[in-house]
């Protein structure tokens, strides 16, 4: 049985992927250290010590 309540649907236009901020900069020791330091308050709130639960 064919549906009659909807007309033909237009195909959706192709989507462009959004840039990923993780890939904008290379993973270096310095960037990893900065990322780890930026998460210190979160680890403290979760009660982690040295990144451990």
N, C-alpha and C. Protein backbone atom coordinates (compact mmCIF):
# COMPACT_ATOMS: atom_id res chain seq x y z
N UNK A 1 0.85 -1.17 0.00
CA UNK A 1 0.00 0.00 0.00
C UNK A 1 0.90 1.24 0.00
N UNK A 2 0.58 2.19 -0.84
CA UNK A 2 1.38 3.40 -0.98
C UNK A 2 0.82 4.51 -0.08
N UNK A 3 1.74 5.25 0.56
CA UNK A 3 1.30 6.36 1.43
C UNK A 3 0.87 7.54 0.57
N UNK A 4 -0.24 8.13 0.95
CA UNK A 4 -0.74 9.27 0.19
C UNK A 4 -0.76 10.55 1.03
N UNK A 5 -0.39 10.48 2.31
CA UNK A 5 -0.47 11.67 3.17
C UNK A 5 0.73 12.60 3.03
N UNK A 6 1.78 12.16 2.37
CA UNK A 6 2.97 12.99 2.19
C UNK A 6 3.35 13.02 0.72
N UNK A 7 3.78 14.20 0.30
CA UNK A 7 4.26 14.31 -1.06
C UNK A 7 5.70 13.82 -1.14
N UNK A 8 6.27 13.88 -2.33
CA UNK A 8 7.67 13.45 -2.45
C UNK A 8 8.58 14.36 -1.62
N UNK A 9 9.53 13.76 -0.97
CA UNK A 9 10.44 14.53 -0.12
C UNK A 9 11.68 14.93 -0.92
N UNK A 10 12.12 16.17 -0.68
CA UNK A 10 13.33 16.66 -1.32
C UNK A 10 14.53 16.06 -0.59
N UNK A 11 15.56 15.70 -1.31
CA UNK A 11 16.75 15.19 -0.62
C UNK A 11 17.41 16.31 0.19
N UNK A 12 17.95 15.95 1.32
CA UNK A 12 18.62 16.96 2.14
C UNK A 12 19.97 17.30 1.50
N UNK A 13 20.36 18.57 1.53
CA UNK A 13 21.64 18.94 0.95
C UNK A 13 22.79 18.34 1.75
N UNK A 14 23.90 18.07 1.10
CA UNK A 14 25.04 17.51 1.84
C UNK A 14 25.53 18.48 2.91
N UNK A 15 25.92 17.95 4.02
CA UNK A 15 26.41 18.75 5.13
C UNK A 15 27.94 18.78 5.10
N UNK A 16 28.49 19.91 5.44
CA UNK A 16 29.94 20.02 5.57
C UNK A 16 30.31 19.72 7.01
N UNK A 17 31.35 18.93 7.22
CA UNK A 17 31.75 18.65 8.60
C UNK A 17 32.24 19.93 9.29
N UNK A 18 31.92 20.03 10.57
CA UNK A 18 32.40 21.17 11.34
C UNK A 18 33.85 20.94 11.76
N UNK A 19 34.64 21.99 11.81
CA UNK A 19 36.03 21.81 12.23
C UNK A 19 36.09 21.34 13.69
N UNK A 20 36.98 20.44 13.94
CA UNK A 20 37.15 19.89 15.28
C UNK A 20 38.30 20.62 15.96
N UNK A 21 38.05 21.29 17.09
CA UNK A 21 39.11 22.06 17.74
C UNK A 21 40.25 21.18 18.25
N UNK A 22 39.99 19.91 18.46
CA UNK A 22 41.04 19.01 18.94
C UNK A 22 42.13 18.85 17.89
N UNK A 23 41.74 18.88 16.62
CA UNK A 23 42.70 18.65 15.56
C UNK A 23 43.36 19.93 15.04
N UNK A 24 43.00 21.08 15.60
CA UNK A 24 43.58 22.34 15.13
C UNK A 24 45.03 22.51 15.52
N UNK A 25 45.43 21.92 16.62
CA UNK A 25 46.80 22.07 17.07
C UNK A 25 47.41 20.69 17.28
N UNK A 26 48.70 20.57 17.06
CA UNK A 26 49.33 19.26 17.26
C UNK A 26 49.40 18.91 18.74
N UNK A 27 49.40 17.64 19.03
CA UNK A 27 49.54 17.18 20.41
C UNK A 27 51.02 17.20 20.77
N UNK A 28 51.38 18.18 21.55
CA UNK A 28 52.76 18.27 22.03
C UNK A 28 52.75 18.11 23.54
N UNK A 29 53.89 17.95 24.10
CA UNK A 29 53.99 17.83 25.56
C UNK A 29 53.41 19.09 26.21
N UNK A 30 53.73 20.25 25.63
CA UNK A 30 53.27 21.51 26.21
C UNK A 30 51.74 21.64 26.16
N UNK A 31 51.13 21.28 25.02
CA UNK A 31 49.68 21.39 24.93
C UNK A 31 48.99 20.38 25.83
N UNK A 32 49.57 19.20 25.98
CA UNK A 32 48.99 18.20 26.88
C UNK A 32 49.10 18.66 28.34
N UNK A 33 50.22 19.25 28.69
CA UNK A 33 50.38 19.76 30.06
C UNK A 33 49.39 20.89 30.33
N UNK A 34 49.20 21.77 29.35
CA UNK A 34 48.26 22.88 29.52
C UNK A 34 46.83 22.34 29.66
N UNK A 35 46.47 21.34 28.87
CA UNK A 35 45.14 20.75 28.96
C UNK A 35 44.93 20.08 30.31
N UNK A 36 45.94 19.38 30.79
CA UNK A 36 45.84 18.72 32.10
C UNK A 36 45.70 19.76 33.21
N UNK A 37 46.48 20.85 33.12
CA UNK A 37 46.40 21.90 34.14
C UNK A 37 45.04 22.58 34.12
N UNK A 38 44.46 22.74 32.94
CA UNK A 38 43.15 23.39 32.82
C UNK A 38 42.05 22.56 33.46
N UNK A 39 42.24 21.27 33.60
CA UNK A 39 41.22 20.40 34.19
C UNK A 39 41.42 20.15 35.67
N UNK A 40 42.36 20.85 36.30
CA UNK A 40 42.67 20.60 37.71
C UNK A 40 41.46 20.85 38.61
N UNK A 41 40.71 21.93 38.36
CA UNK A 41 39.56 22.22 39.22
C UNK A 41 38.48 21.15 39.09
N UNK A 42 38.31 20.61 37.90
CA UNK A 42 37.32 19.54 37.72
C UNK A 42 37.73 18.29 38.49
N UNK A 43 39.00 17.93 38.38
CA UNK A 43 39.47 16.75 39.12
C UNK A 43 39.32 16.95 40.62
N UNK A 44 39.56 18.16 41.10
CA UNK A 44 39.41 18.46 42.52
C UNK A 44 37.96 18.32 42.95
N UNK A 45 37.03 18.84 42.13
CA UNK A 45 35.60 18.72 42.45
C UNK A 45 35.14 17.27 42.47
N UNK A 46 35.75 16.44 41.62
CA UNK A 46 35.36 15.03 41.58
C UNK A 46 36.05 14.22 42.67
N UNK A 47 36.97 14.85 43.38
CA UNK A 47 37.66 14.16 44.45
C UNK A 47 38.83 13.30 43.97
N UNK A 48 39.30 13.57 42.75
CA UNK A 48 40.42 12.81 42.22
C UNK A 48 41.72 13.38 42.75
N UNK A 49 42.71 12.54 42.89
CA UNK A 49 44.07 12.99 43.22
C UNK A 49 44.99 12.44 42.16
N UNK A 50 45.78 13.31 41.55
CA UNK A 50 46.72 12.92 40.49
C UNK A 50 46.00 12.20 39.35
N UNK A 51 44.79 12.64 39.03
CA UNK A 51 44.07 12.05 37.91
C UNK A 51 43.43 10.71 38.22
N UNK A 52 43.51 10.26 39.44
CA UNK A 52 42.90 8.97 39.82
C UNK A 52 41.62 9.22 40.59
N UNK A 53 40.72 8.28 40.54
CA UNK A 53 39.47 8.38 41.30
C UNK A 53 39.69 8.00 42.72
